[in-house]
Amino acid sequence: MKLPNHQNAIISERKVAGYLLSTSHVYGRHKAVFFSRFGFSVDAWEILARALREHASEHEVMATEDSLFGQRYIVDGELSAPDGRRPRVRVIWFIETGEDAPHLVTAYPLEKT
């Protein structure tokens, strides 16, 4: 199964530039180091957003988790990077109860690079 409504995925600038690519964010800075190794940058955060949306359209959902607030989706697979490499990442999405668009929660490496 693919991420439901992946074509309508909501990926905010704040989540990508302010978290995944931020070298000063308490939790995101380690992810920023990882993503920057592959050519992603905060100045061009849209490139990572586009790659994450593509990741959701290419790979199957590995697991789902229900909560009182909605459903969480876990998608593993290779991510197209600006430098041509394809690191394996896990991307977490969330669809709130009563909504249909998935929201990006986080992304992180599946293995050491």
PDB file of N, CA and C in Angstrom:
ATOM      1  N   MET A   1       0.844  -1.176   0.000  1.00  0.00           N
ATOM      2  CA  MET A   1       0.000   0.000   0.000  1.00  0.00           C
ATOM      3  C   MET A   1       0.894   1.244   0.000  1.00  0.00           C
ATOM      4  N   LYS A   2       0.519   2.187  -0.836  1.00  0.00           N
ATOM      5  CA  LYS A   2       1.210   3.485  -0.856  1.00  0.00           C
ATOM      6  C   LYS A   2       0.585   4.390   0.198  1.00  0.00           C
ATOM      7  N   LEU A   3       1.303   5.446   0.573  1.00  0.00           N
ATOM      8  CA  LEU A   3       0.768   6.439   1.500  1.00  0.00           C
ATOM      9  C   LEU A   3      -0.494   7.020   0.888  1.00  0.00           C
ATOM     10  N   PRO A   4      -1.629   6.947   1.598  1.00  0.00           N
ATOM     11  CA  PRO A   4      -2.867   7.497   1.056  1.00  0.00           C
ATOM     12  C   PRO A   4      -2.721   8.985   0.724  1.00  0.00           C
ATOM     13  N   ASN A   5      -3.225   9.366  -0.429  1.00  0.00           N
ATOM     14  CA  ASN A   5      -3.231  10.760  -0.878  1.00  0.00           C
ATOM     15  C   ASN A   5      -1.844  11.402  -0.865  1.00  0.00           C
ATOM     16  N   HIS A   6      -0.823  10.604  -1.182  1.00  0.00           N
ATOM     17  CA  HIS A   6       0.554  11.124  -1.162  1.00  0.00           C
ATOM     18  C   HIS A   6       0.721  12.338  -2.064  1.00  0.00           C
ATOM     19  N   GLN A   7      -0.065  12.429  -3.115  1.00  0.00           N
ATOM     20  CA  GLN A   7       0.033  13.578  -4.026  1.00  0.00           C
ATOM     21  C   GLN A   7      -0.405  14.871  -3.344  1.00  0.00           C
ATOM     22  N   ASN A   8      -1.155  14.767  -2.241  1.00  0.00           N
ATOM     23  CA  ASN A   8      -1.614  15.944  -1.483  1.00  0.00           C
ATOM     24  C   ASN A   8      -0.834  16.144  -0.188  1.00  0.00           C
ATOM     25  N   ALA A   9       0.305  15.481  -0.069  1.00  0.00           N
ATOM     26  CA  ALA A   9       1.093  15.553   1.170  1.00  0.00           C
ATOM     27  C   ALA A   9       1.455  16.995   1.518  1.00  0.00           C
ATOM     28  N   ILE A  10       1.342  17.300   2.798  1.00  0.00           N
ATOM     29  CA  ILE A  10       1.662  18.631   3.301  1.00  0.00           C
ATOM     30  C   ILE A  10       3.047  18.585   3.935  1.00  0.00           C
ATOM     31  N   ILE A  11       3.952  19.353   3.334  1.00  0.00           N
ATOM     32  CA  ILE A  11       5.340  19.401   3.788  1.00  0.00           C
ATOM     33  C   ILE A  11       5.681  20.870   3.973  1.00  0.00           C
ATOM     34  N   SER A  12       5.693  21.312   5.207  1.00  0.00           N
ATOM     35  CA  SER A  12       5.884  22.736   5.473  1.00  0.00           C
ATOM     36  C   SER A  12       7.357  23.143   5.441  1.00  0.00           C
ATOM     37  N   GLU A  13       7.577  24.412   5.094  1.00  0.00           N
ATOM     38  CA  GLU A  13       8.927  24.974   5.125  1.00  0.00           C
ATOM     39  C   GLU A  13       9.489  24.874   6.541  1.00  0.00           C
ATOM     40  N   ARG A  14       8.648  25.125   7.523  1.00  0.00           N
ATOM     41  CA  ARG A  14       9.096  25.068   8.923  1.00  0.00           C
ATOM     42  C   ARG A  14       9.617  23.676   9.288  1.00  0.00           C
ATOM     43  N   LYS A  15       8.921  22.643   8.818  1.00  0.00           N
ATOM     44  CA  LYS A  15       9.331  21.274   9.135  1.00  0.00           C
ATOM     45  C   LYS A  15      10.648  20.922   8.439  1.00  0.00           C
ATOM     46  N   VAL A  16      10.803  21.351   7.205  1.00  0.00           N
ATOM     47  CA  VAL A  16      12.006  20.997   6.449  1.00  0.00           C
ATOM     48  C   VAL A  16      13.171  21.925   6.780  1.00  0.00           C
ATOM     49  N   ALA A  17      12.986  23.230   6.575  1.00  0.00           N
ATOM     50  CA  ALA A  17      14.083  24.183   6.800  1.00  0.00           C
ATOM     51  C   ALA A  17      14.358  24.404   8.280  1.00  0.00           C
ATOM     52  N   GLY A  18      13.307  24.437   9.088  1.00  0.00           N
ATOM     53  CA  GLY A  18      13.471  24.737  10.506  1.00  0.00           C
ATOM     54  C   GLY A  18      13.739  23.536  11.386  1.00  0.00           C
ATOM     55  N   TYR A  19      13.670  22.335  10.811  1.00  0.00           N
ATOM     56  CA  TYR A  19      13.879  21.127  11.604  1.00  0.00           C
ATOM     57  C   TYR A  19      14.854  20.169  10.909  1.00  0.00           C
ATOM     58  N   LEU A  20      14.453  19.585   9.771  1.00  0.00           N
ATOM     59  CA  LEU A  20      15.294  18.575   9.128  1.00  0.00           C
ATOM     60  C   LEU A  20      16.612  19.123   8.596  1.00  0.00           C
ATOM     61  N   LEU A  21      16.638  20.392   8.204  1.00  0.00           N
ATOM     62  CA  LEU A  21      17.863  20.966   7.648  1.00  0.00           C
ATOM     63  C   LEU A  21      18.497  22.016   8.556  1.00  0.00           C
ATOM     64  N   SER A  22      17.993  22.152   9.777  1.00  0.00           N
ATOM     65  CA  SER A  22      18.508  23.160  10.709  1.00  0.00           C
ATOM     66  C   SER A  22      19.670  22.608  11.530  1.00  0.00           C
ATOM     67  N   THR A  23      20.828  23.240  11.387  1.00  0.00           N
ATOM     68  CA  THR A  23      21.999  22.808  12.158  1.00  0.00           C
ATOM     69  C   THR A  23      21.943  23.284  13.604  1.00  0.00           C
ATOM     70  N   SER A  24      20.959  24.125  13.946  1.00  0.00           N
ATOM     71  CA  SER A  24      20.845  24.612  15.320  1.00  0.00           C
ATOM     72  C   SER A  24      19.663  24.011  16.080  1.00  0.00           C
ATOM     73  N   HIS A  25      18.811  23.247  15.415  1.00  0.00           N
ATOM     74  CA  HIS A  25      17.666  22.642  16.086  1.00  0.00           C
ATOM     75  C   HIS A  25      18.137  21.517  17.003  1.00  0.00           C
ATOM     76  N   VAL A  26      17.641  21.484  18.220  1.00  0.00           N
ATOM     77  CA  VAL A  26      18.073  20.501  19.219  1.00  0.00           C
ATOM     78  C   VAL A  26      17.975  19.070  18.693  1.00  0.00           C
ATOM     79  N   TYR A  27      16.858  18.719  18.058  1.00  0.00           N
ATOM     80  CA  TYR A  27      16.661  17.355  17.579  1.00  0.00           C
ATOM     81  C   TYR A  27      16.992  17.206  16.094  1.00  0.00           C
ATOM     82  N   GLY A  28      16.848  18.275  15.335  1.00  0.00           N
ATOM     83  CA  GLY A  28      17.056  18.198  13.899  1.00  0.00           C
ATOM     84  C   GLY A  28      18.482  18.333  13.434  1.00  0.00           C
ATOM     85  N   ARG A  29      19.363  18.860  14.269  1.00  0.00           N
ATOM     86  CA  ARG A  29      20.717  19.157  13.784  1.00  0.00           C
ATOM     87  C   ARG A  29      21.471  17.929  13.282  1.00  0.00           C
ATOM     88  N   HIS A  30      21.257  16.775  13.875  1.00  0.00           N
ATOM     89  CA  HIS A  30      21.930  15.561  13.419  1.00  0.00           C
ATOM     90  C   HIS A  30      21.365  15.109  12.070  1.00  0.00           C
ATOM     91  N   LYS A  31      20.074  15.339  11.890  1.00  0.00           N
ATOM     92  CA  LYS A  31      19.454  15.025  10.605  1.00  0.00           C
ATOM     93  C   LYS A  31      19.972  15.980   9.537  1.00  0.00           C
ATOM     94  N   ALA A  32      20.168  17.239   9.907  1.00  0.00           N
ATOM     95  CA  ALA A  32      20.683  18.238   8.967  1.00  0.00           C
ATOM     96  C   ALA A  32      22.070  17.840   8.471  1.00  0.00           C
ATOM     97  N   VAL A  33      22.907  17.340   9.359  1.00  0.00           N
ATOM     98  CA  VAL A  33      24.249  16.886   8.966  1.00  0.00           C
ATOM     99  C   VAL A  33      24.118  15.751   7.948  1.00  0.00           C
ATOM    100  N   PHE A  34      23.235  14.811   8.226  1.00  0.00           N
ATOM    101  CA  PHE A  34      23.011  13.686   7.318  1.00  0.00           C
ATOM    102  C   PHE A  34      22.547  14.171   5.951  1.00  0.00           C
ATOM    103  N   PHE A  35      21.478  14.951   5.907  1.00  0.00           N
ATOM    104  CA  PHE A  35      20.917  15.385   4.626  1.00  0.00           C
ATOM    105  C   PHE A  35      21.887  16.281   3.853  1.00  0.00           C
ATOM    106  N   SER A  36      22.659  17.095   4.537  1.00  0.00           N
ATOM    107  CA  SER A  36      23.604  17.980   3.842  1.00  0.00           C
ATOM    108  C   SER A  36      24.701  17.185   3.134  1.00  0.00           C
ATOM    109  N   ARG A  37      25.040  16.013   3.635  1.00  0.00           N
ATOM    110  CA  ARG A  37      26.046  15.162   2.987  1.00  0.00           C
ATOM    111  C   ARG A  37      25.638  14.757   1.580  1.00  0.00           C
ATOM    112  N   PHE A  38      24.344  14.816   1.309  1.00  0.00           N
ATOM    113  CA  PHE A  38      23.818  14.386   0.017  1.00  0.00           C
ATOM    114  C   PHE A  38      23.417  15.565  -0.870  1.00  0.00           C
ATOM    115  N   GLY A  39      23.788  16.774  -0.442  1.00  0.00           N
ATOM    116  CA  GLY A  39      23.541  17.946  -1.264  1.00  0.00           C
ATOM    117  C   GLY A  39      22.300  18.749  -0.941  1.00  0.00           C
ATOM    118  N   PHE A  40      21.554  18.354   0.088  1.00  0.00           N
ATOM    119  CA  PHE A  40      20.372  19.126   0.491  1.00  0.00           C
ATOM    120  C   PHE A  40      20.836  20.321   1.322  1.00  0.00           C
ATOM    121  N   SER A  41      20.120  21.448   1.202  1.00  0.00           N
ATOM    122  CA  SER A  41      20.490  22.631   1.973  1.00  0.00           C
ATOM    123  C   SER A  41      19.260  23.415   2.393  1.00  0.00           C
ATOM    124  N   VAL A  42      19.404  24.159   3.470  1.00  0.00           N
ATOM    125  CA  VAL A  42      18.305  24.967   3.988  1.00  0.00           C
ATOM    126  C   VAL A  42      17.914  26.053   2.991  1.00  0.00           C
ATOM    127  N   ASP A  43      18.868  26.546   2.207  1.00  0.00           N
ATOM    128  CA  ASP A  43      18.581  27.586   1.217  1.00  0.00           C
ATOM    129  C   ASP A  43      17.684  27.085   0.088  1.00  0.00           C
ATOM    130  N   ALA A  44      17.732  25.790  -0.163  1.00  0.00           N
ATOM    131  CA  ALA A  44      16.908  25.178  -1.208  1.00  0.00           C
ATOM    132  C   ALA A  44      16.073  24.058  -0.586  1.00  0.00           C
ATOM    133  N   TRP A  45      15.383  24.376   0.498  1.00  0.00           N
ATOM    134  CA  TRP A  45      14.619  23.376   1.253  1.00  0.00           C
ATOM    135  C   TRP A  45      13.574  22.678   0.400  1.00  0.00           C
ATOM    136  N   GLU A  46      13.092  23.358  -0.640  1.00  0.00           N
ATOM    137  CA  GLU A  46      12.056  22.786  -1.502  1.00  0.00           C
ATOM    138  C   GLU A  46      12.540  21.513  -2.199  1.00  0.00           C
ATOM    139  N   ILE A  47      13.843  21.402  -2.418  1.00  0.00           N
ATOM    140  CA  ILE A  47      14.384  20.210  -3.077  1.00  0.00           C
ATOM    141  C   ILE A  47      14.192  18.994  -2.183  1.00  0.00           C
ATOM    142  N   LEU A  48      14.445  19.135  -0.890  1.00  0.00           N
ATOM    143  CA  LEU A  48      14.203  18.024   0.032  1.00  0.00           C
ATOM    144  C   LEU A  48      12.707  17.745   0.130  1.00  0.00           C
ATOM    145  N   ALA A  49      11.880  18.768   0.177  1.00  0.00           N
ATOM    146  CA  ALA A  49      10.426  18.570   0.238  1.00  0.00           C
ATOM    147  C   ALA A  49       9.954  17.767  -0.978  1.00  0.00           C
ATOM    148  N   ARG A  50      10.447  18.126  -2.144  1.00  0.00           N
ATOM    149  CA  ARG A  50      10.071  17.419  -3.375  1.00  0.00           C
ATOM    150  C   ARG A  50      10.545  15.962  -3.328  1.00  0.00           C
ATOM    151  N   ALA A  51      11.762  15.742  -2.835  1.00  0.00           N
ATOM    152  CA  ALA A  51      12.312  14.385  -2.733  1.00  0.00           C
ATOM    153  C   ALA A  51      11.501  13.539  -1.750  1.00  0.00           C
ATOM    154  N   LEU A  52      11.041  14.147  -0.656  1.00  0.00           N
ATOM    155  CA  LEU A  52      10.228  13.410   0.326  1.00  0.00           C
ATOM    156  C   LEU A  52       8.863  13.046  -0.257  1.00  0.00           C
ATOM    157  N   ARG A  53       8.285  13.942  -1.037  1.00  0.00           N
ATOM    158  CA  ARG A  53       7.000  13.655  -1.685  1.00  0.00           C
ATOM    159  C   ARG A  53       7.176  12.518  -2.703  1.00  0.00           C
ATOM    160  N   GLU A  54       8.274  12.574  -3.449  1.00  0.00           N
ATOM    161  CA  GLU A  54       8.578  11.515  -4.420  1.00  0.00           C
ATOM    162  C   GLU A  54       8.803  10.180  -3.699  1.00  0.00           C
ATOM    163  N   HIS A  55       9.506  10.222  -2.579  1.00  0.00           N
ATOM    164  CA  HIS A  55       9.752   9.032  -1.756  1.00  0.00           C
ATOM    165  C   HIS A  55       8.423   8.365  -1.391  1.00  0.00           C
ATOM    166  N   ALA A  56       7.441   9.165  -0.989  1.00  0.00           N
ATOM    167  CA  ALA A  56       6.129   8.632  -0.602  1.00  0.00           C
ATOM    168  C   ALA A  56       5.410   7.996  -1.788  1.00  0.00           C
ATOM    169  N   SER A  57       5.625   8.529  -2.975  1.00  0.00           N
ATOM    170  CA  SER A  57       4.945   7.978  -4.151  1.00  0.00           C
ATOM    171  C   SER A  57       5.625   6.714  -4.677  1.00  0.00           C
ATOM    172  N   GLU A  58       6.916   6.544  -4.377  1.00  0.00           N
ATOM    173  CA  GLU A  58       7.684   5.403  -4.902  1.00  0.00           C
ATOM    174  C   GLU A  58       7.661   4.173  -4.008  1.00  0.00           C
ATOM    175  N   HIS A  59       7.529   4.368  -2.695  1.00  0.00           N
ATOM    176  CA  HIS A  59       7.709   3.253  -1.761  1.00  0.00           C
ATOM    177  C   HIS A  59       6.420   2.890  -1.031  1.00  0.00           C
ATOM    178  N   GLU A  60       6.382   1.659  -0.603  1.00  0.00           N
ATOM    179  CA  GLU A  60       5.222   1.140   0.124  1.00  0.00           C
ATOM    180  C   GLU A  60       5.276   1.539   1.592  1.00  0.00           C
ATOM    181  N   VAL A  61       4.106   1.644   2.197  1.00  0.00           N
ATOM    182  CA  VAL A  61       4.008   1.854   3.641  1.00  0.00           C
ATOM    183  C   VAL A  61       4.467   0.566   4.321  1.00  0.00           C
ATOM    184  N   MET A  62       5.427   0.699   5.248  1.00  0.00           N
ATOM    185  CA  MET A  62       5.968  -0.462   5.949  1.00  0.00           C
ATOM    186  C   MET A  62       5.129  -0.835   7.170  1.00  0.00           C
ATOM    187  N   ALA A  63       4.540   0.182   7.801  1.00  0.00           N
ATOM    188  CA  ALA A  63       3.745  -0.053   9.007  1.00  0.00           C
ATOM    189  C   ALA A  63       2.818   1.140   9.232  1.00  0.00           C
ATOM    190  N   THR A  64       1.762   0.892   9.970  1.00  0.00           N
ATOM    191  CA  THR A  64       0.850   1.959  10.381  1.00  0.00           C
ATOM    192  C   THR A  64       0.622   1.836  11.880  1.00  0.00           C
ATOM    193  N   GLU A  65       0.305   2.955  12.499  1.00  0.00           N
ATOM    194  CA  GLU A  65       0.005   2.971  13.932  1.00  0.00           C
ATOM    195  C   GLU A  65      -1.199   3.873  14.141  1.00  0.00           C
ATOM    196  N   ASP A  66      -2.224   3.343  14.783  1.00  0.00           N
ATOM    197  CA  ASP A  66      -3.425   4.116  15.091  1.00  0.00           C
ATOM    198  C   ASP A  66      -3.258   4.856  16.404  1.00  0.00           C
ATOM    199  N   SER A  67      -3.879   6.020  16.483  1.00  0.00           N
ATOM    200  CA  SER A  67      -3.938   6.763  17.739  1.00  0.00           C
ATOM    201  C   SER A  67      -5.311   7.401  17.848  1.00  0.00           C
ATOM    202  N   LEU A  68      -5.561   8.045  18.959  1.00  0.00           N
ATOM    203  CA  LEU A  68      -6.835   8.746  19.135  1.00  0.00           C
ATOM    204  C   LEU A  68      -6.977   9.901  18.157  1.00  0.00           C
ATOM    205  N   PHE A  69      -5.851  10.386  17.656  1.00  0.00           N
ATOM    206  CA  PHE A  69      -5.855  11.590  16.822  1.00  0.00           C
ATOM    207  C   PHE A  69      -5.751  11.309  15.332  1.00  0.00           C
ATOM    208  N   GLY A  70      -5.454  10.066  14.961  1.00  0.00           N
ATOM    209  CA  GLY A  70      -5.326   9.734  13.548  1.00  0.00           C
ATOM    210  C   GLY A  70      -4.441   8.521  13.345  1.00  0.00           C
ATOM    211  N   GLN A  71      -3.838   8.449  12.165  1.00  0.00           N
ATOM    212  CA  GLN A  71      -3.008   7.300  11.833  1.00  0.00           C
ATOM    213  C   GLN A  71      -1.637   7.754  11.355  1.00  0.00           C
ATOM    214  N   ARG A  72      -0.637   7.048  11.865  1.00  0.00           N
ATOM    215  CA  ARG A  72       0.755   7.312  11.517  1.00  0.00           C
ATOM    216  C   ARG A  72       1.190   6.270  10.491  1.00  0.00           C
ATOM    217  N   TYR A  73       1.942   6.718   9.481  1.00  0.00           N
ATOM    218  CA  TYR A  73       2.416   5.855   8.406  1.00  0.00           C
ATOM    219  C   TYR A  73       3.933   5.906   8.350  1.00  0.00           C
ATOM    220  N   ILE A  74       4.557   4.748   8.210  1.00  0.00           N
ATOM    221  CA  ILE A  74       6.008   4.643   8.151  1.00  0.00           C
ATOM    222  C   ILE A  74       6.386   4.133   6.761  1.00  0.00           C
ATOM    223  N   VAL A  75       7.214   4.920   6.073  1.00  0.00           N
ATOM    224  CA  VAL A  75       7.625   4.585   4.713  1.00  0.00           C
ATOM    225  C   VAL A  75       9.154   4.544   4.665  1.00  0.00           C
ATOM    226  N   ASP A  76       9.702   3.390   4.279  1.00  0.00           N
ATOM    227  CA  ASP A  76      11.145   3.209   4.155  1.00  0.00           C
ATOM    228  C   ASP A  76      11.526   3.083   2.695  1.00  0.00           C
ATOM    229  N   GLY A  77      12.703   3.588   2.345  1.00  0.00           N
ATOM    230  CA  GLY A  77      13.194   3.403   0.991  1.00  0.00           C
ATOM    231  C   GLY A  77      14.260   4.413   0.643  1.00  0.00           C
ATOM    232  N   GLU A  78      14.724   4.338  -0.596  1.00  0.00           N
ATOM    233  CA  GLU A  78      15.767   5.232  -1.077  1.00  0.00           C
ATOM    234  C   GLU A  78      15.184   6.603  -1.396  1.00  0.00           C
ATOM    235  N   LEU A  79      15.958   7.633  -1.098  1.00  0.00           N
ATOM    236  CA  LEU A  79      15.582   9.022  -1.339  1.00  0.00           C
ATOM    237  C   LEU A  79      16.480   9.583  -2.434  1.00  0.00           C
ATOM    238  N   SER A  80      15.898  10.188  -3.450  1.00  0.00           N
ATOM    239  CA  SER A  80      16.697  10.816  -4.510  1.00  0.00           C
ATOM    240  C   SER A  80      17.358  12.066  -3.967  1.00  0.00           C
ATOM    241  N   ALA A  81      18.685  12.113  -4.048  1.00  0.00           N
ATOM    242  CA  ALA A  81      19.442  13.246  -3.504  1.00  0.00           C
ATOM    243  C   ALA A  81      20.051  14.073  -4.637  1.00  0.00           C
ATOM    244  N   PRO A  82      20.304  15.360  -4.363  1.00  0.00           N
ATOM    245  CA  PRO A  82      20.896  16.237  -5.382  1.00  0.00           C
ATOM    246  C   PRO A  82      22.239  15.762  -5.917  1.00  0.00           C
ATOM    247  N   ASP A  83      23.012  15.050  -5.108  1.00  0.00           N
ATOM    248  CA  ASP A  83      24.330  14.599  -5.565  1.00  0.00           C
ATOM    249  C   ASP A  83      24.272  13.282  -6.342  1.00  0.00           C
ATOM    250  N   GLY A  84      23.053  12.773  -6.581  1.00  0.00           N
ATOM    251  CA  GLY A  84      22.890  11.558  -7.368  1.00  0.00           C
ATOM    252  C   GLY A  84      22.843  10.276  -6.566  1.00  0.00           C
ATOM    253  N   ARG A  85      23.211  10.341  -5.301  1.00  0.00           N
ATOM    254  CA  ARG A  85      23.141   9.140  -4.464  1.00  0.00           C
ATOM    255  C   ARG A  85      21.705   8.930  -3.993  1.00  0.00           C
ATOM    256  N   ARG A  86      21.439   7.764  -3.430  1.00  0.00           N
ATOM    257  CA  ARG A  86      20.095   7.417  -2.978  1.00  0.00           C
ATOM    258  C   ARG A  86      20.162   6.784  -1.575  1.00  0.00           C
ATOM    259  N   PRO A  87      20.322   7.627  -0.549  1.00  0.00           N
ATOM    260  CA  PRO A  87      20.383   7.080   0.811  1.00  0.00           C
ATOM    261  C   PRO A  87      19.042   6.484   1.225  1.00  0.00           C
ATOM    262  N   ARG A  88      19.103   5.457   2.053  1.00  0.00           N
ATOM    263  CA  ARG A  88      17.869   4.844   2.586  1.00  0.00           C
ATOM    264  C   ARG A  88      17.424   5.623   3.808  1.00  0.00           C
ATOM    265  N   VAL A  89      16.170   6.034   3.783  1.00  0.00           N
ATOM    266  CA  VAL A  89      15.603   6.810   4.881  1.00  0.00           C
ATOM    267  C   VAL A  89      14.247   6.257   5.284  1.00  0.00           C
ATOM    268  N   ARG A  90      13.861   6.586   6.485  1.00  0.00           N
ATOM    269  CA  ARG A  90      12.513   6.322   6.990  1.00  0.00           C
ATOM    270  C   ARG A  90      11.822   7.667   7.091  1.00  0.00           C
ATOM    271  N   VAL A  91      10.618   7.740   6.541  1.00  0.00           N
ATOM    272  CA  VAL A  91       9.823   8.962   6.589  1.00  0.00           C
ATOM    273  C   VAL A  91       8.510   8.641   7.296  1.00  0.00           C
ATOM    274  N   ILE A  92       8.187   9.474   8.269  1.00  0.00           N
ATOM    275  CA  ILE A  92       6.967   9.290   9.050  1.00  0.00           C
ATOM    276  C   ILE A  92       5.951  10.349   8.629  1.00  0.00           C
ATOM    277  N   TRP A  93       4.741   9.894   8.368  1.00  0.00           N
ATOM    278  CA  TRP A  93       3.634  10.755   7.960  1.00  0.00           C
ATOM    279  C   TRP A  93       2.486  10.557   8.938  1.00  0.00           C
ATOM    280  N   PHE A  94       1.601  11.551   9.028  1.00  0.00           N
ATOM    281  CA  PHE A  94       0.452  11.452   9.918  1.00  0.00           C
ATOM    282  C   PHE A  94      -0.777  12.015   9.214  1.00  0.00           C
ATOM    283  N   ILE A  95      -1.873  11.269   9.286  1.00  0.00           N
ATOM    284  CA  ILE A  95      -3.152  11.756   8.776  1.00  0.00           C
ATOM    285  C   ILE A  95      -4.104  11.851   9.964  1.00  0.00           C
ATOM    286  N   GLU A  96      -4.539  13.073  10.249  1.00  0.00           N
ATOM    287  CA  GLU A  96      -5.438  13.311  11.373  1.00  0.00           C
ATOM    288  C   GLU A  96      -6.812  12.705  11.100  1.00  0.00           C
ATOM    289  N   THR A  97      -7.471  12.275  12.152  1.00  0.00           N
ATOM    290  CA  THR A  97      -8.826  11.754  12.052  1.00  0.00           C
ATOM    291  C   THR A  97      -9.716  12.801  11.389  1.00  0.00           C
ATOM    292  N   GLY A  98     -10.470  12.371  10.402  1.00  0.00           N
ATOM    293  CA  GLY A  98     -11.366  13.274   9.693  1.00  0.00           C
ATOM    294  C   GLY A  98     -10.713  14.035   8.559  1.00  0.00           C
ATOM    295  N   GLU A  99      -9.412  13.890   8.391  1.00  0.00           N
ATOM    296  CA  GLU A  99      -8.675  14.557   7.314  1.00  0.00           C
ATOM    297  C   GLU A  99      -8.217  13.500   6.308  1.00  0.00           C
ATOM    298  N   ASP A 100      -7.730  13.942   5.149  1.00  0.00           N
ATOM    299  CA  ASP A 100      -7.225  12.965   4.191  1.00  0.00           C
ATOM    300  C   ASP A 100      -5.817  13.263   3.686  1.00  0.00           C
ATOM    301  N   ALA A 101      -5.284  14.437   4.001  1.00  0.00           N
ATOM    302  CA  ALA A 101      -3.931  14.781   3.547  1.00  0.00           C
ATOM    303  C   ALA A 101      -2.891  14.374   4.584  1.00  0.00           C
ATOM    304  N   PRO A 102      -1.863  13.651   4.151  1.00  0.00           N
ATOM    305  CA  PRO A 102      -0.787  13.294   5.085  1.00  0.00           C
ATOM    306  C   PRO A 102       0.125  14.492   5.352  1.00  0.00           C
ATOM    307  N   HIS A 103       0.561  14.619   6.596  1.00  0.00           N
ATOM    308  CA  HIS A 103       1.495  15.663   7.023  1.00  0.00           C
ATOM    309  C   HIS A 103       2.832  15.001   7.342  1.00  0.00           C
ATOM    310  N   LEU A 104       3.911  15.630   6.889  1.00  0.00           N
ATOM    311  CA  LEU A 104       5.239  15.136   7.223  1.00  0.00           C
ATOM    312  C   LEU A 104       5.494  15.309   8.715  1.00  0.00           C
ATOM    313  N   VAL A 105       5.935  14.244   9.365  1.00  0.00           N
ATOM    314  CA  VAL A 105       6.308  14.301  10.778  1.00  0.00           C
ATOM    315  C   VAL A 105       7.823  14.409  10.897  1.00  0.00           C
ATOM    316  N   THR A 106       8.540  13.468  10.287  1.00  0.00           N
ATOM    317  CA  THR A 106      10.005  13.469  10.357  1.00  0.00           C
ATOM    318  C   THR A 106      10.575  12.542   9.298  1.00  0.00           C
ATOM    319  N   ALA A 107      11.877  12.612   9.136  1.00  0.00           N
ATOM    320  CA  ALA A 107      12.621  11.712   8.256  1.00  0.00           C
ATOM    321  C   ALA A 107      14.002  11.527   8.867  1.00  0.00           C
ATOM    322  N   TYR A 108      14.547  10.332   8.709  1.00  0.00           N
ATOM    323  CA  TYR A 108      15.874  10.071   9.257  1.00  0.00           C
ATOM    324  C   TYR A 108      16.526   8.886   8.547  1.00  0.00           C
ATOM    325  N   PRO A 109      17.847   8.775   8.644  1.00  0.00           N
ATOM    326  CA  PRO A 109      18.546   7.697   7.944  1.00  0.00           C
ATOM    327  C   PRO A 109      18.217   6.330   8.529  1.00  0.00           C
ATOM    328  N   LEU A 110      18.193   5.330   7.650  1.00  0.00           N
ATOM    329  CA  LEU A 110      17.986   3.959   8.093  1.00  0.00           C
ATOM    330  C   LEU A 110      19.307   3.249   8.377  1.00  0.00           C
ATOM    331  N   GLU A 111      20.390   3.806   7.844  1.00  0.00           N
ATOM    332  CA  GLU A 111      21.683   3.161   8.043  1.00  0.00           C
ATOM    333  C   GLU A 111      22.778   4.208   8.041  1.00  0.00           C
ATOM    334  N   LYS A 112      23.903   3.849   8.546  1.00  0.00           N
ATOM    335  CA  LYS A 112      25.058   4.757   8.561  1.00  0.00           C
ATOM    336  C   LYS A 112      25.567   4.952   7.141  1.00  0.00           C
ATOM    337  N   THR A 113      26.027   6.173   6.841  1.00  0.00           N
ATOM    338  CA  THR A 113      26.574   6.449   5.503  1.00  0.00           C
ATOM    339  C   THR A 113      27.980   6.989   5.633  1.00  0.00           C
TER     340      THR A 113
END
